[in-house]
């Protein structure tokens, strides 16, 4: 499985891929991930700390199927009360997880509110998994007791 960025010669938005081709894989659709710890509490109301937690949460989801951010060619980032200065913070945190030389296709969307009053950011994603993954048993829930996926 390979992921190829698609960028026209005169790309208008720097720091993202304008499109991405997934060759030989299947999509993994990730739900919106929010800055919640394992105990259900929301990380501080500071946007950089929240972004860091969200990327860690996505990283855990990707790891549950043996993948990482190199396999996540699409990110959609929702920021509450967005201001253009937020772009610098979003990119700084994002670039600690993705390869800035081959960034994902992305959208940054300002919203009035999210599901919880303390949540400032939410990210959903599309990742790619190999074409042949088979579930061993049960469901994937991160506990290690309900099954896992195998590449074939």
C-alpha atoms as a PDB file:
ATOM      1  CA  UNK A   1       0.000   0.000   0.000  1.00  0.00           C
ATOM      2  CA  UNK A   2       1.315   3.436  -0.940  1.00  0.00           C
ATOM      3  CA  UNK A   3       0.013   6.936  -0.311  1.00  0.00           C
ATOM      4  CA  UNK A   4       0.858   9.587  -2.889  1.00  0.00           C
ATOM      5  CA  UNK A   5       0.346  13.352  -2.473  1.00  0.00           C
ATOM      6  CA  UNK A   6      -1.239  15.236  -5.363  1.00  0.00           C
ATOM      7  CA  UNK A   7      -0.135  18.857  -5.693  1.00  0.00           C
ATOM      8  CA  UNK A   8      -0.525  21.035  -8.785  1.00  0.00           C
ATOM      9  CA  UNK A   9       2.519  23.157  -9.701  1.00  0.00           C
ATOM     10  CA  UNK A  10       0.944  26.330  -8.321  1.00  0.00           C
ATOM     11  CA  UNK A  11      -0.636  24.983  -5.114  1.00  0.00           C
ATOM     12  CA  UNK A  12      -2.515  27.785  -3.365  1.00  0.00           C
ATOM     13  CA  UNK A  13      -2.357  26.488   0.212  1.00  0.00           C
ATOM     14  CA  UNK A  14       1.099  25.623   1.542  1.00  0.00           C
ATOM     15  CA  UNK A  15       1.648  23.003   4.222  1.00  0.00           C
ATOM     16  CA  UNK A  16      -1.015  20.514   3.070  1.00  0.00           C
ATOM     17  CA  UNK A  17      -1.376  18.097   0.193  1.00  0.00           C
ATOM     18  CA  UNK A  18      -4.055  19.304  -2.190  1.00  0.00           C
ATOM     19  CA  UNK A  19      -5.132  15.687  -2.674  1.00  0.00           C
ATOM     20  CA  UNK A  20      -3.954  12.186  -1.825  1.00  0.00           C
ATOM     21  CA  UNK A  21      -4.109   8.869  -3.676  1.00  0.00           C
ATOM     22  CA  UNK A  22      -4.303   5.650  -1.692  1.00  0.00           C
ATOM     23  CA  UNK A  23      -2.926   2.834  -3.840  1.00  0.00           C
ATOM     24  CA  UNK A  24      -3.626  -0.727  -2.777  1.00  0.00           C
ATOM     25  CA  UNK A  25      -5.434  -0.063   0.488  1.00  0.00           C
ATOM     26  CA  UNK A  26      -8.819   0.449   2.045  1.00  0.00           C
ATOM     27  CA  UNK A  27     -10.082   3.464   3.977  1.00  0.00           C
ATOM     28  CA  UNK A  28     -10.326   3.528   7.753  1.00  0.00           C
ATOM     29  CA  UNK A  29     -12.791   6.272   8.732  1.00  0.00           C
ATOM     30  CA  UNK A  30     -11.966   7.801  12.098  1.00  0.00           C
ATOM     31  CA  UNK A  31     -14.674   9.465  14.143  1.00  0.00           C
ATOM     32  CA  UNK A  32     -14.104  12.911  15.551  1.00  0.00           C
ATOM     33  CA  UNK A  33     -11.430  12.695  18.236  1.00  0.00           C
ATOM     34  CA  UNK A  34     -11.538  15.172  21.100  1.00  0.00           C
ATOM     35  CA  UNK A  35      -9.127  16.202  23.894  1.00  0.00           C
ATOM     36  CA  UNK A  36     -10.350  13.715  26.473  1.00  0.00           C
ATOM     37  CA  UNK A  37      -8.147  11.634  28.710  1.00  0.00           C
ATOM     38  CA  UNK A  38      -8.815   7.941  29.310  1.00  0.00           C
ATOM     39  CA  UNK A  39     -10.753   8.841  32.469  1.00  0.00           C
ATOM     40  CA  UNK A  40     -13.161  10.981  30.403  1.00  0.00           C
ATOM     41  CA  UNK A  41     -11.901  14.350  31.625  1.00  0.00           C
ATOM     42  CA  UNK A  42     -11.184  17.132  29.154  1.00  0.00           C
ATOM     43  CA  UNK A  43      -7.612  18.414  28.909  1.00  0.00           C
ATOM     44  CA  UNK A  44      -7.108  22.053  29.945  1.00  0.00           C
ATOM     45  CA  UNK A  45      -8.831  24.805  28.029  1.00  0.00           C
ATOM     46  CA  UNK A  46      -5.532  25.735  26.332  1.00  0.00           C
ATOM     47  CA  UNK A  47      -5.807  25.021  22.590  1.00  0.00           C
ATOM     48  CA  UNK A  48      -2.244  23.703  22.134  1.00  0.00           C
ATOM     49  CA  UNK A  49      -2.618  21.203  24.992  1.00  0.00           C
ATOM     50  CA  UNK A  50      -5.976  20.115  23.593  1.00  0.00           C
ATOM     51  CA  UNK A  51      -4.532  19.626  20.101  1.00  0.00           C
ATOM     52  CA  UNK A  52      -1.703  17.552  21.551  1.00  0.00           C
ATOM     53  CA  UNK A  53      -4.203  15.274  23.337  1.00  0.00           C
ATOM     54  CA  UNK A  54      -6.357  14.915  20.221  1.00  0.00           C
ATOM     55  CA  UNK A  55      -3.358  13.883  18.103  1.00  0.00           C
ATOM     56  CA  UNK A  56      -2.319  11.400  20.817  1.00  0.00           C
ATOM     57  CA  UNK A  57      -5.853   9.965  20.818  1.00  0.00           C
ATOM     58  CA  UNK A  58      -5.811   9.586  17.033  1.00  0.00           C
ATOM     59  CA  UNK A  59      -2.366   7.997  17.264  1.00  0.00           C
ATOM     60  CA  UNK A  60      -3.786   5.406  19.707  1.00  0.00           C
ATOM     61  CA  UNK A  61      -6.667   4.618  17.344  1.00  0.00           C
ATOM     62  CA  UNK A  62      -4.274   4.188  14.420  1.00  0.00           C
ATOM     63  CA  UNK A  63      -1.983   1.985  16.539  1.00  0.00           C
ATOM     64  CA  UNK A  64      -4.951  -0.302  17.309  1.00  0.00           C
ATOM     65  CA  UNK A  65      -4.731  -1.448  13.673  1.00  0.00           C
ATOM     66  CA  UNK A  66      -0.964  -1.245  13.390  1.00  0.00           C
ATOM     67  CA  UNK A  67      -0.916   2.098  11.592  1.00  0.00           C
ATOM     68  CA  UNK A  68       0.428   5.589  12.289  1.00  0.00           C
ATOM     69  CA  UNK A  69       0.024   9.096  10.898  1.00  0.00           C
ATOM     70  CA  UNK A  70       1.899   8.150   7.711  1.00  0.00           C
ATOM     71  CA  UNK A  71      -1.254   6.142   6.962  1.00  0.00           C
ATOM     72  CA  UNK A  72      -3.622   9.081   7.600  1.00  0.00           C
ATOM     73  CA  UNK A  73      -3.786  11.040   4.350  1.00  0.00           C
ATOM     74  CA  UNK A  74      -6.828  13.143   5.340  1.00  0.00           C
ATOM     75  CA  UNK A  75      -7.463  15.318   8.423  1.00  0.00           C
ATOM     76  CA  UNK A  76     -10.440  17.550   9.116  1.00  0.00           C
ATOM     77  CA  UNK A  77      -9.762  19.896  12.033  1.00  0.00           C
ATOM     78  CA  UNK A  78     -12.581  21.787  13.776  1.00  0.00           C
ATOM     79  CA  UNK A  79     -11.576  24.718  15.977  1.00  0.00           C
ATOM     80  CA  UNK A  80     -14.062  26.513  18.202  1.00  0.00           C
ATOM     81  CA  UNK A  81     -14.020  30.309  17.871  1.00  0.00           C
ATOM     82  CA  UNK A  82     -11.339  30.079  15.191  1.00  0.00           C
ATOM     83  CA  UNK A  83      -8.993  33.007  14.661  1.00  0.00           C
ATOM     84  CA  UNK A  84      -6.290  33.075  11.923  1.00  0.00           C
ATOM     85  CA  UNK A  85      -3.588  33.019  14.637  1.00  0.00           C
ATOM     86  CA  UNK A  86      -4.736  29.471  15.478  1.00  0.00           C
ATOM     87  CA  UNK A  87      -3.280  28.180  12.192  1.00  0.00           C
ATOM     88  CA  UNK A  88       0.275  28.523  13.530  1.00  0.00           C
ATOM     89  CA  UNK A  89      -0.578  26.487  16.637  1.00  0.00           C
ATOM     90  CA  UNK A  90      -2.490  23.843  14.679  1.00  0.00           C
ATOM     91  CA  UNK A  91       0.379  23.357  12.231  1.00  0.00           C
ATOM     92  CA  UNK A  92       3.032  23.283  14.978  1.00  0.00           C
ATOM     93  CA  UNK A  93       1.257  20.463  16.819  1.00  0.00           C
ATOM     94  CA  UNK A  94       0.202  18.625  13.649  1.00  0.00           C
ATOM     95  CA  UNK A  95       3.765  18.664  12.324  1.00  0.00           C
ATOM     96  CA  UNK A  96       4.983  16.762  15.401  1.00  0.00           C
ATOM     97  CA  UNK A  97       2.827  13.839  14.226  1.00  0.00           C
ATOM     98  CA  UNK A  98       2.761  14.027  10.407  1.00  0.00           C
ATOM     99  CA  UNK A  99       5.575  14.295   7.906  1.00  0.00           C
ATOM    100  CA  UNK A 100       5.628  18.011   6.952  1.00  0.00           C
ATOM    101  CA  UNK A 101       7.372  17.043   3.680  1.00  0.00           C
ATOM    102  CA  UNK A 102       4.279  14.981   2.751  1.00  0.00           C
ATOM    103  CA  UNK A 103       1.428  16.505   4.769  1.00  0.00           C
ATOM    104  CA  UNK A 104      -2.098  15.109   4.655  1.00  0.00           C
ATOM    105  CA  UNK A 105      -4.911  16.610   2.646  1.00  0.00           C
ATOM    106  CA  UNK A 106      -6.581  18.803   5.246  1.00  0.00           C
ATOM    107  CA  UNK A 107      -9.407  21.133   6.099  1.00  0.00           C
ATOM    108  CA  UNK A 108      -9.402  23.601   8.989  1.00  0.00           C
ATOM    109  CA  UNK A 109     -12.923  24.614   9.930  1.00  0.00           C
ATOM    110  CA  UNK A 110     -13.929  27.265  12.435  1.00  0.00           C
ATOM    111  CA  UNK A 111     -17.065  26.405  14.399  1.00  0.00           C
ATOM    112  CA  UNK A 112     -19.167  28.210  16.986  1.00  0.00           C
ATOM    113  CA  UNK A 113     -19.253  25.274  19.404  1.00  0.00           C
ATOM    114  CA  UNK A 114     -18.438  21.599  19.835  1.00  0.00           C
ATOM    115  CA  UNK A 115     -20.155  18.868  21.870  1.00  0.00           C
ATOM    116  CA  UNK A 116     -18.765  19.982  25.269  1.00  0.00           C
ATOM    117  CA  UNK A 117     -18.262  23.591  26.425  1.00  0.00           C
ATOM    118  CA  UNK A 118     -14.606  22.962  27.394  1.00  0.00           C
ATOM    119  CA  UNK A 119     -13.662  21.330  24.071  1.00  0.00           C
ATOM    120  CA  UNK A 120     -11.883  23.740  21.721  1.00  0.00           C
ATOM    121  CA  UNK A 121     -10.806  21.307  18.993  1.00  0.00           C
ATOM    122  CA  UNK A 122     -12.004  18.101  17.323  1.00  0.00           C
ATOM    123  CA  UNK A 123     -10.314  16.178  14.505  1.00  0.00           C
ATOM    124  CA  UNK A 124     -11.660  13.438  12.282  1.00  0.00           C
ATOM    125  CA  UNK A 125      -9.549  11.609   9.756  1.00  0.00           C
ATOM    126  CA  UNK A 126      -9.371   9.086   6.982  1.00  0.00           C
ATOM    127  CA  UNK A 127      -6.561   6.582   7.200  1.00  0.00           C
ATOM    128  CA  UNK A 128      -5.518   3.783   4.887  1.00  0.00           C
ATOM    129  CA  UNK A 129      -5.128   0.154   5.864  1.00  0.00           C
ATOM    130  CA  UNK A 130      -3.837  -2.689   3.706  1.00  0.00           C
ATOM    131  CA  UNK A 131      -6.379  -4.203   1.329  1.00  0.00           C
ATOM    132  CA  UNK A 132      -6.435  -7.470   3.244  1.00  0.00           C
ATOM    133  CA  UNK A 133      -6.997  -7.075   6.955  1.00  0.00           C
ATOM    134  CA  UNK A 134      -8.823  -9.835   8.749  1.00  0.00           C
ATOM    135  CA  UNK A 135     -10.305  -9.573  12.190  1.00  0.00           C
ATOM    136  CA  UNK A 136      -9.121 -12.336  14.528  1.00  0.00           C
ATOM    137  CA  UNK A 137     -12.134 -12.233  16.858  1.00  0.00           C
ATOM    138  CA  UNK A 138     -14.457  -9.807  18.610  1.00  0.00           C
ATOM    139  CA  UNK A 139     -14.093  -6.071  18.163  1.00  0.00           C
ATOM    140  CA  UNK A 140     -11.182  -3.699  18.316  1.00  0.00           C
ATOM    141  CA  UNK A 141     -11.511  -1.726  21.535  1.00  0.00           C
ATOM    142  CA  UNK A 142      -7.918  -1.150  22.600  1.00  0.00           C
ATOM    143  CA  UNK A 143      -8.142  -3.572  25.509  1.00  0.00           C
ATOM    144  CA  UNK A 144      -6.246  -6.303  23.724  1.00  0.00           C
ATOM    145  CA  UNK A 145      -8.885  -8.816  24.790  1.00  0.00           C
ATOM    146  CA  UNK A 146     -11.468  -8.404  22.058  1.00  0.00           C
ATOM    147  CA  UNK A 147      -9.445  -9.207  18.974  1.00  0.00           C
ATOM    148  CA  UNK A 148      -7.192  -7.451  16.544  1.00  0.00           C
ATOM    149  CA  UNK A 149      -6.644  -7.165  12.828  1.00  0.00           C
ATOM    150  CA  UNK A 150      -4.048  -9.129  10.896  1.00  0.00           C
ATOM    151  CA  UNK A 151      -2.471  -8.120   7.593  1.00  0.00           C
ATOM    152  CA  UNK A 152      -2.553 -10.810   4.919  1.00  0.00           C
END
